[in-house]
Amino acid sequence: MGNALRFLCGHCCRPSPESDSVGHHGVTAATVGVSALAHDLYNFEITNQVPQELSKHVVSSRKAQANWYKKLSEAWRETKPPPKTPEEASRLVIQTLKRHQKADVEGLLAFYGLPLPHALVELTNGTPPSQPQGLRFELHTLPESSNVPREVQVAAVERSKARAQKNYNKADELHRQIIDAGYRVLTIQNEEILARKYRIRLRGIDAPESKMPFGQKAKEELTKIVQDKCLKIQVFDEDRYGRCVGDVYCNGVFVQESMLKKGLAWHYKAYDRRPELDKWEKEARAKRVGLWSSSNPEMPWNGERTDVKADNLDRHGSLKWLSADRNMTMWEWY
């Protein structure tokens, strides 16, 4: 079991815990490496100077380094929008300097704490299928207040009025009505939000616990994928604990595919026989990325994993914020 993870989605989002992988600038690759590179490129345009410490990480001369930064600066300005994630910045560097020595390219990426070429993965089009076989229903994260029963909406409005008038007895009575209907009221950034709980298990994968090798990295990666994004969950089944078993899609990314290809989850073959999941796991094994960098990674089969609690979703629901409890992949959505 790992430490609790809490973060907000959409306008309520806040950063996830930092990665332990620290580059030359003393910051994590997941946060400041991209900004550090952008800053140095901007500084190069003004001074024609490259960072002094770069020579310790690459094999070519300072003159060659200046040539790289000139090319990168032009490529950065031409890219619309500019790179925002470590993966996007890494791909720009690799593409721009593709004719240069491998040692120089990898040294430059390491200098900024950006992903090396072997760590990058190519994802398929993560558009969810329209009517996959066995689909029971879908959950969406876009606000759809019309799906909340009218009596619950009315009770929430009247409760807000009662609280404004300091009529707390009436407000408490209305709050009980909301709870009895299966909802709750949360106040986030001075905004009252109706919430309803669903628990969702990510279909077909299992991830390491936080205290296991790559458990923390898996948690951070999952946070990065869904943070500040709109989600769609296709639900196919319900397990014996009453949890919905589903696939999660996020802005063109199929979450299970990304976790498998980055070596941060196993294909749970005992419960899911889809060949594409097996293929993605084998790709990560072949590259020896993530947990597959170990010849015999510890598998977390003896517990409940990849569970999701969705707390503001009815069957057509809306997502306001997201947190995890003590299971690394147990989310709570409000």
Protein backbone atom coordinates (compact mmCIF):
# COMPACT_ATOMS: atom_id res chain seq x y z
CA MET A 1 0.00 0.00 0.00
CA GLY A 2 1.31 3.42 -0.89
CA ASN A 3 0.90 6.90 0.47
CA ALA A 4 -2.31 8.72 -0.33
CA LEU A 5 -2.35 10.72 -3.55
CA ARG A 6 -4.60 13.72 -3.84
CA PHE A 7 -5.03 16.09 -6.74
CA LEU A 8 -7.63 18.15 -8.55
CA CYS A 9 -8.79 17.84 -12.15
CA GLY A 10 -9.74 20.64 -14.51
CA HIS A 11 -9.66 24.13 -13.03
CA CYS A 12 -9.41 22.61 -9.57
CA CYS A 13 -6.16 20.81 -10.41
CA ARG A 14 -3.06 20.91 -8.29
CA PRO A 15 0.32 19.28 -8.95
CA SER A 16 0.99 15.66 -8.19
CA PRO A 17 3.92 14.48 -6.08
CA GLU A 18 7.27 15.09 -7.72
CA SER A 19 9.38 12.43 -9.36
CA ASP A 20 12.58 11.34 -7.67
CA SER A 21 14.46 11.49 -10.98
CA VAL A 22 16.51 14.68 -10.77
CA GLY A 23 18.44 16.20 -13.66
CA HIS A 24 21.38 18.62 -13.70
CA HIS A 25 19.23 21.61 -12.78
CA GLY A 26 18.22 20.05 -9.47
CA VAL A 27 14.57 19.74 -10.48
CA THR A 28 12.44 16.83 -11.48
CA ALA A 29 12.02 15.82 -15.10
CA ALA A 30 8.25 15.92 -14.66
CA THR A 31 8.17 19.60 -13.74
CA VAL A 32 11.02 21.95 -14.54
CA GLY A 33 13.24 20.20 -17.08
CA VAL A 34 11.19 21.56 -19.97
CA SER A 35 11.22 25.08 -18.52
CA ALA A 36 14.98 24.88 -17.95
CA LEU A 37 15.58 23.98 -21.61
CA ALA A 38 13.25 26.76 -22.79
CA HIS A 39 15.07 29.25 -20.55
CA ASP A 40 18.49 28.22 -21.88
CA LEU A 41 17.30 28.47 -25.48
CA TYR A 42 15.97 31.96 -24.81
CA ASN A 43 19.24 32.90 -23.15
CA PHE A 44 21.17 31.55 -26.14
CA GLU A 45 19.25 33.82 -28.52
CA ILE A 46 20.40 36.80 -26.47
CA THR A 47 23.97 35.83 -25.58
CA ASN A 48 24.95 33.02 -28.00
CA GLN A 49 26.16 31.15 -24.93
CA VAL A 50 25.35 27.55 -24.02
CA PRO A 51 25.30 26.30 -20.41
CA GLN A 52 28.81 25.90 -18.99
CA GLU A 53 28.16 22.49 -17.45
CA LEU A 54 26.85 20.95 -20.65
CA SER A 55 30.33 19.87 -21.78
CA LYS A 56 30.46 17.36 -18.92
CA HIS A 57 27.51 15.49 -20.46
CA VAL A 58 28.34 15.53 -24.19
CA VAL A 59 31.36 14.71 -26.38
CA SER A 60 31.29 17.47 -29.00
CA SER A 61 32.91 20.91 -28.81
CA ARG A 62 31.40 24.15 -27.57
CA LYS A 63 31.13 25.31 -31.18
CA ALA A 64 29.06 22.23 -32.02
CA GLN A 65 26.90 22.80 -28.94
CA ALA A 66 26.15 26.34 -30.11
CA ASN A 67 25.02 24.89 -33.43
CA TRP A 68 22.61 22.55 -31.59
CA TYR A 69 21.11 25.38 -29.59
CA LYS A 70 20.63 27.47 -32.71
CA LYS A 71 18.72 24.61 -34.36
CA LEU A 72 16.72 23.86 -31.20
CA SER A 73 15.83 27.51 -30.69
CA GLU A 74 14.44 27.75 -34.23
CA ALA A 75 12.55 24.46 -33.88
CA TRP A 76 11.12 25.51 -30.51
CA ARG A 77 9.80 28.79 -31.92
CA GLU A 78 8.27 27.04 -34.93
CA THR A 79 6.46 24.44 -32.84
CA LYS A 80 2.86 25.49 -32.13
CA PRO A 81 2.05 25.05 -29.32
CA PRO A 82 5.56 24.74 -27.85
CA PRO A 83 6.48 21.57 -25.92
CA LYS A 84 4.88 21.36 -22.50
CA THR A 85 5.73 17.87 -21.30
CA PRO A 86 9.10 16.13 -20.96
CA GLU A 87 8.06 13.67 -23.68
CA GLU A 88 7.22 16.48 -26.13
CA ALA A 89 10.50 18.30 -25.41
CA SER A 90 12.48 15.08 -25.75
CA ARG A 91 10.91 14.30 -29.11
CA LEU A 92 11.69 17.80 -30.38
CA VAL A 93 15.35 17.44 -29.38
CA ILE A 94 15.64 13.98 -30.94
CA GLN A 95 14.00 15.06 -34.19
CA THR A 96 15.99 18.31 -34.47
CA LEU A 97 19.34 16.66 -33.72
CA LYS A 98 18.68 13.34 -35.46
CA ARG A 99 21.82 13.64 -37.60
CA HIS A 100 24.08 14.25 -34.62
CA GLN A 101 25.93 11.75 -32.49
CA LYS A 102 23.85 9.54 -30.23
CA ALA A 103 26.09 10.32 -27.25
CA ASP A 104 25.50 14.06 -27.72
CA VAL A 105 21.73 13.76 -28.06
CA GLU A 106 21.39 11.50 -25.02
CA GLY A 107 23.82 13.65 -23.05
CA LEU A 108 21.77 16.77 -23.79
CA LEU A 109 18.55 15.02 -22.76
CA ALA A 110 20.16 13.76 -19.55
CA PHE A 111 21.45 17.27 -18.80
CA TYR A 112 17.85 18.49 -18.65
CA GLY A 113 16.42 15.35 -17.08
CA LEU A 114 14.35 14.61 -20.20
CA PRO A 115 13.38 11.07 -21.28
CA LEU A 116 15.96 9.21 -23.33
CA PRO A 117 14.93 7.77 -26.72
CA HIS A 118 14.43 4.21 -25.44
CA ALA A 119 12.04 5.47 -22.75
CA LEU A 120 9.65 7.14 -25.20
CA VAL A 121 6.66 5.16 -26.37
CA GLU A 122 4.42 5.58 -29.40
CA LEU A 123 0.75 5.33 -28.50
CA THR A 124 -2.04 4.35 -30.83
CA ASN A 125 -5.04 6.58 -31.41
CA GLY A 126 -6.72 6.42 -28.03
CA THR A 127 -10.22 7.11 -29.30
CA PRO A 128 -12.64 4.81 -27.47
CA PRO A 129 -14.66 2.49 -29.73
CA SER A 130 -18.26 3.56 -30.15
CA GLN A 131 -19.99 0.33 -29.17
CA PRO A 132 -17.44 -2.30 -28.07
CA GLN A 133 -18.73 -5.77 -27.36
CA GLY A 134 -19.84 -6.18 -23.76
CA LEU A 135 -20.13 -2.44 -23.03
CA ARG A 136 -22.68 -1.76 -20.29
CA PHE A 137 -22.50 2.02 -19.96
CA GLU A 138 -20.12 5.00 -20.04
CA LEU A 139 -19.06 7.60 -17.50
CA HIS A 140 -17.93 11.05 -18.60
CA THR A 141 -16.09 13.79 -16.74
CA LEU A 142 -17.74 16.71 -18.48
CA PRO A 143 -20.23 18.60 -16.30
CA GLU A 144 -23.72 17.39 -17.01
CA SER A 145 -25.86 18.72 -14.20
CA SER A 146 -29.01 17.71 -16.08
CA ASN A 147 -28.23 14.10 -15.16
CA VAL A 148 -28.61 14.84 -11.46
CA PRO A 149 -32.18 14.22 -10.30
CA ARG A 150 -34.15 17.46 -10.14
CA GLU A 151 -35.08 16.96 -6.48
CA VAL A 152 -31.39 16.70 -5.61
CA GLN A 153 -30.57 19.87 -7.56
CA VAL A 154 -33.41 21.74 -5.84
CA ALA A 155 -32.29 20.52 -2.42
CA ALA A 156 -28.72 21.69 -3.14
CA VAL A 157 -29.91 25.16 -4.19
CA GLU A 158 -32.21 25.49 -1.18
CA ARG A 159 -29.43 24.31 1.13
CA SER A 160 -27.12 27.04 -0.18
CA LYS A 161 -29.83 29.65 0.43
CA ALA A 162 -30.46 28.34 3.93
CA ARG A 163 -26.76 28.51 4.78
CA ALA A 164 -26.54 32.05 3.43
CA GLN A 165 -29.44 32.97 5.72
CA LYS A 166 -27.72 31.13 8.62
CA ASN A 167 -30.69 28.78 8.89
CA TYR A 168 -28.45 25.83 9.69
CA ASN A 169 -31.22 23.53 10.88
CA LYS A 170 -32.94 23.73 7.50
CA ALA A 171 -29.59 23.41 5.73
CA ASP A 172 -28.78 20.25 7.70
CA GLU A 173 -32.18 18.75 6.88
CA LEU A 174 -31.68 19.43 3.16
CA HIS A 175 -28.18 17.99 3.38
CA ARG A 176 -29.61 14.76 4.80
CA GLN A 177 -32.02 14.58 1.87
CA ILE A 178 -29.10 14.90 -0.55
CA ILE A 179 -27.16 12.18 1.25
CA ASP A 180 -30.20 9.88 1.34
CA ALA A 181 -30.43 10.27 -2.46
CA GLY A 182 -26.88 8.96 -2.79
CA TYR A 183 -25.11 12.30 -3.28
CA ARG A 184 -22.94 14.58 -1.21
CA VAL A 185 -22.07 18.29 -1.34
CA LEU A 186 -18.43 19.35 -1.50
CA THR A 187 -17.06 22.89 -1.35
CA ILE A 188 -14.02 23.38 -3.58
CA GLN A 189 -12.58 26.84 -4.17
CA ASN A 190 -15.77 28.40 -2.82
CA GLU A 191 -17.88 26.41 -5.26
CA GLU A 192 -20.42 23.85 -4.06
CA ILE A 193 -20.36 20.66 -6.09
CA LEU A 194 -22.75 17.71 -6.05
CA ALA A 195 -20.92 14.39 -5.87
CA ARG A 196 -21.87 10.77 -6.27
CA LYS A 197 -19.60 7.79 -5.75
CA TYR A 198 -18.71 5.05 -8.20
CA ARG A 199 -15.82 2.63 -7.78
CA ILE A 200 -14.05 1.63 -10.98
CA ARG A 201 -11.38 -0.99 -11.55
CA LEU A 202 -9.06 -0.42 -14.51
CA ARG A 203 -9.73 -3.36 -16.79
CA GLY A 204 -6.94 -5.71 -17.75
CA ILE A 205 -3.92 -4.27 -15.91
CA ASP A 206 -2.30 -4.45 -12.50
CA ALA A 207 0.24 -1.99 -11.15
CA PRO A 208 2.99 -2.26 -8.50
CA GLU A 209 2.28 -1.01 -5.00
CA SER A 210 3.89 2.27 -3.98
CA LYS A 211 6.52 0.54 -1.83
CA MET A 212 7.41 -1.91 -4.59
CA PRO A 213 10.00 -1.07 -7.28
CA PHE A 214 8.48 1.44 -9.72
CA GLY A 215 5.36 1.76 -7.55
CA GLN A 216 5.93 5.46 -6.91
CA LYS A 217 6.82 6.06 -10.55
CA ALA A 218 3.64 4.28 -11.67
CA LYS A 219 1.55 6.46 -9.36
CA GLU A 220 3.17 9.63 -10.68
CA GLU A 221 2.73 8.54 -14.30
CA LEU A 222 -0.93 7.77 -13.77
CA THR A 223 -1.37 11.17 -12.15
CA LYS A 224 0.35 12.86 -15.10
CA ILE A 225 -1.86 11.10 -17.65
CA VAL A 226 -5.19 12.10 -16.10
CA GLN A 227 -4.30 15.36 -14.36
CA ASP A 228 -6.18 18.35 -15.77
CA LYS A 229 -7.83 16.17 -18.41
CA CYS A 230 -11.32 15.11 -19.44
CA LEU A 231 -11.91 11.40 -18.96
CA LYS A 232 -14.24 8.80 -20.45
CA ILE A 233 -14.72 5.43 -18.79
CA GLN A 234 -16.28 2.51 -20.64
CA VAL A 235 -17.71 0.08 -18.11
CA PHE A 236 -17.95 -3.60 -19.06
CA ASP A 237 -18.59 -5.48 -15.86
CA GLU A 238 -19.03 -5.35 -12.11
CA ASP A 239 -16.79 -7.39 -9.84
CA ARG A 240 -17.79 -9.20 -6.67
CA TYR A 241 -16.98 -6.10 -4.60
CA GLY A 242 -19.46 -3.98 -6.53
CA ARG A 243 -16.80 -2.11 -8.49
CA CYS A 244 -17.27 -1.20 -12.14
CA VAL A 245 -14.62 -2.75 -14.39
CA GLY A 246 -13.74 -0.41 -17.22
CA ASP A 247 -11.34 1.16 -19.71
CA VAL A 248 -10.22 4.75 -19.13
CA TYR A 249 -9.59 7.19 -21.97
CA CYS A 250 -8.06 10.61 -21.54
CA ASN A 251 -7.60 13.21 -24.32
CA GLY A 252 -6.74 10.65 -26.97
CA VAL A 253 -4.78 8.38 -24.63
CA PHE A 254 -5.91 4.90 -23.65
CA VAL A 255 -4.66 4.82 -20.06
CA GLN A 256 -4.06 1.07 -19.90
CA GLU A 257 -1.97 1.19 -23.10
CA SER A 258 0.22 3.99 -21.81
CA MET A 259 0.88 2.28 -18.48
CA LEU A 260 1.73 -1.03 -20.15
CA LYS A 261 4.02 0.44 -22.81
CA LYS A 262 5.96 2.41 -20.22
CA GLY A 263 6.52 -0.72 -18.17
CA LEU A 264 4.51 0.55 -15.22
CA ALA A 265 1.85 -2.15 -15.14
CA TRP A 266 1.31 -5.82 -15.96
CA HIS A 267 -1.25 -7.27 -18.32
CA TYR A 268 -3.60 -9.08 -15.94
CA LYS A 269 -4.05 -12.12 -18.15
CA ALA A 270 -6.12 -14.04 -15.61
CA TYR A 271 -9.01 -11.60 -16.15
CA ASP A 272 -8.38 -10.07 -19.59
CA ARG A 273 -7.29 -11.89 -22.75
CA ARG A 274 -7.14 -8.95 -25.15
CA PRO A 275 -4.16 -9.52 -27.48
CA GLU A 276 -3.28 -5.83 -27.71
CA LEU A 277 -2.63 -5.65 -23.96
CA ASP A 278 -0.35 -8.66 -24.22
CA LYS A 279 1.44 -7.05 -27.19
CA TRP A 280 2.01 -3.78 -25.32
CA GLU A 281 3.42 -5.58 -22.30
CA LYS A 282 5.80 -7.55 -24.55
CA GLU A 283 7.00 -4.32 -26.16
CA ALA A 284 7.92 -2.94 -22.74
CA ARG A 285 9.64 -6.22 -21.82
CA ALA A 286 11.71 -6.11 -25.03
CA LYS A 287 12.81 -2.52 -24.33
CA ARG A 288 13.45 -3.39 -20.65
CA VAL A 289 11.70 -0.21 -19.54
CA GLY A 290 10.09 0.43 -16.18
CA LEU A 291 9.62 -2.61 -14.01
CA TRP A 292 11.01 -4.78 -16.83
CA SER A 293 14.47 -3.33 -16.22
CA SER A 294 14.55 -6.04 -13.56
CA SER A 295 14.91 -9.62 -14.77
CA ASN A 296 12.29 -10.84 -12.30
CA PRO A 297 9.97 -8.00 -11.21
CA GLU A 298 7.83 -8.58 -8.14
CA MET A 299 4.17 -8.99 -9.07
CA PRO A 300 1.34 -7.66 -6.88
CA TRP A 301 -1.17 -10.46 -7.44
CA ASN A 302 -2.04 -10.87 -3.76
CA GLY A 303 -4.28 -7.89 -3.19
CA GLU A 304 -6.70 -5.39 -4.61
CA ARG A 305 -5.15 -3.07 -7.21
CA THR A 306 -6.07 -0.68 -9.98
CA ASP A 307 -9.29 0.32 -8.27
CA VAL A 308 -11.00 3.61 -8.90
CA LYS A 309 -13.59 5.40 -6.78
CA ALA A 310 -15.67 7.85 -8.76
CA ASP A 311 -17.53 10.16 -6.45
CA ASN A 312 -19.19 12.72 -8.67
CA LEU A 313 -20.33 10.47 -11.44
CA ASP A 314 -23.75 9.18 -12.10
CA ARG A 315 -23.97 6.96 -15.16
CA HIS A 316 -23.57 9.97 -17.40
CA GLY A 317 -21.68 11.85 -14.69
CA SER A 318 -19.35 14.76 -14.17
CA LEU A 319 -15.92 14.95 -12.60
CA LYS A 320 -14.80 17.81 -10.39
CA TRP A 321 -11.80 16.47 -8.54
CA LEU A 322 -9.82 13.36 -8.06
CA SER A 323 -7.82 11.78 -5.26
CA ALA A 324 -6.40 8.43 -4.34
CA ASP A 325 -6.66 6.53 -1.12
CA ARG A 326 -3.99 4.20 0.21
CA ASN A 327 -4.03 1.95 -2.85
CA MET A 328 -1.68 3.35 -5.46
CA THR A 329 -4.26 3.17 -8.21
CA MET A 330 -7.36 3.69 -6.07
CA TRP A 331 -8.90 6.97 -7.17
CA GLU A 332 -11.72 8.93 -5.67
CA TRP A 333 -13.52 11.22 -8.10
CA TYR A 334 -15.70 14.07 -6.96
